[in-house]
Amino acid sequence: MRVTKKQLVQIIKEEVGRLQQADPFSDRLSLSNSIRDGIIDHLESEKFFEMGAIPQSVIKVVENCSLQIADALKEESE
């Protein structure tokens, strides 16, 4: 089972909205961490992986992607 593009967009929107409400001046790392946490929570809640059993290779990919998303969002807002 895969995360659909629509699900991923929704996760990112929710995390960005939550983060902006909490701290409108947050930096790249905070935004990236929120996106990463949202994606990992989704993977666990949808039973793609057991809680705490996500392989390190998957976590690295999610972290890299979350940094790219954070950078793109920052560029878009400037």
Protein backbone atom coordinates (compact mmCIF):
# COMPACT_ATOMS: atom_id res chain seq x y z
CA MET A 1 0.00 0.00 0.00
CA ARG A 2 1.34 3.41 -0.97
CA VAL A 3 0.67 6.93 0.19
CA THR A 4 -1.20 8.68 -2.58
CA LYS A 5 -0.26 12.11 -3.84
CA LYS A 6 -3.53 13.48 -2.48
CA GLN A 7 -2.84 12.04 0.99
CA LEU A 8 0.67 13.48 0.98
CA VAL A 9 -0.59 16.92 -0.04
CA GLN A 10 -3.15 16.80 2.78
CA ILE A 11 -0.51 15.78 5.32
CA ILE A 12 1.74 18.64 4.25
CA LYS A 13 -1.11 21.18 4.33
CA GLU A 14 -2.13 20.09 7.82
CA GLU A 15 1.42 20.25 9.14
CA VAL A 16 2.15 23.62 7.53
CA GLY A 17 -1.12 25.04 8.85
CA ARG A 18 -0.46 23.71 12.34
CA LEU A 19 3.07 25.07 12.33
CA GLN A 20 2.04 28.50 11.06
CA GLN A 21 -0.58 28.78 13.78
CA ALA A 22 1.96 27.87 16.43
CA ASP A 23 4.86 30.00 15.18
CA PRO A 24 4.61 32.12 12.03
CA PHE A 25 8.36 32.81 12.11
CA SER A 26 9.50 29.21 12.31
CA ASP A 27 12.60 28.22 10.43
CA ARG A 28 13.39 25.57 7.85
CA LEU A 29 14.26 22.85 10.35
CA SER A 30 11.06 23.24 12.38
CA LEU A 31 8.94 23.08 9.24
CA SER A 32 10.88 20.10 7.94
CA ASN A 33 10.53 18.25 11.25
CA SER A 34 6.77 18.85 11.32
CA ILE A 35 6.36 17.56 7.77
CA ARG A 36 8.55 14.53 8.56
CA ASP A 37 6.61 13.75 11.72
CA GLY A 38 3.30 14.03 9.87
CA ILE A 39 4.41 11.65 7.15
CA ILE A 40 5.86 9.13 9.61
CA ASP A 41 2.70 9.30 11.75
CA HIS A 42 0.64 8.67 8.64
CA LEU A 43 2.76 5.67 7.64
CA GLU A 44 2.32 4.18 11.11
CA SER A 45 -1.40 4.96 11.42
CA GLU A 46 -2.11 3.43 8.01
CA LYS A 47 -0.24 0.29 9.14
CA PHE A 48 2.46 0.56 6.47
CA PHE A 49 4.89 -0.09 9.33
CA GLU A 50 4.52 -0.99 12.98
CA MET A 51 5.14 1.86 15.39
CA GLY A 52 8.89 2.34 15.72
CA ALA A 53 9.67 -0.21 13.01
CA ILE A 54 10.16 2.09 10.03
CA PRO A 55 13.47 1.19 8.35
CA GLN A 56 16.21 3.81 8.57
CA SER A 57 16.37 3.96 4.76
CA VAL A 58 12.72 5.06 4.63
CA ILE A 59 13.24 7.63 7.38
CA LYS A 60 16.20 9.13 5.49
CA VAL A 61 14.13 9.48 2.33
CA VAL A 62 11.27 11.10 4.28
CA GLU A 63 13.72 13.50 5.97
CA ASN A 64 15.30 14.49 2.65
CA CYS A 65 11.91 15.04 1.06
CA SER A 66 10.65 17.05 4.01
CA LEU A 67 13.66 19.38 3.69
CA GLN A 68 12.95 19.84 -0.02
CA ILE A 69 9.30 20.58 0.71
CA ALA A 70 10.24 23.09 3.41
CA ASP A 71 12.63 24.84 1.00
CA ALA A 72 10.02 24.94 -1.75
CA LEU A 73 7.40 26.37 0.62
CA LYS A 74 9.84 29.01 1.82
CA GLU A 75 10.71 30.00 -1.77
CA GLU A 76 7.02 30.13 -2.66
CA SER A 77 6.23 32.47 0.20
CA GLU A 78 9.04 34.90 -0.67
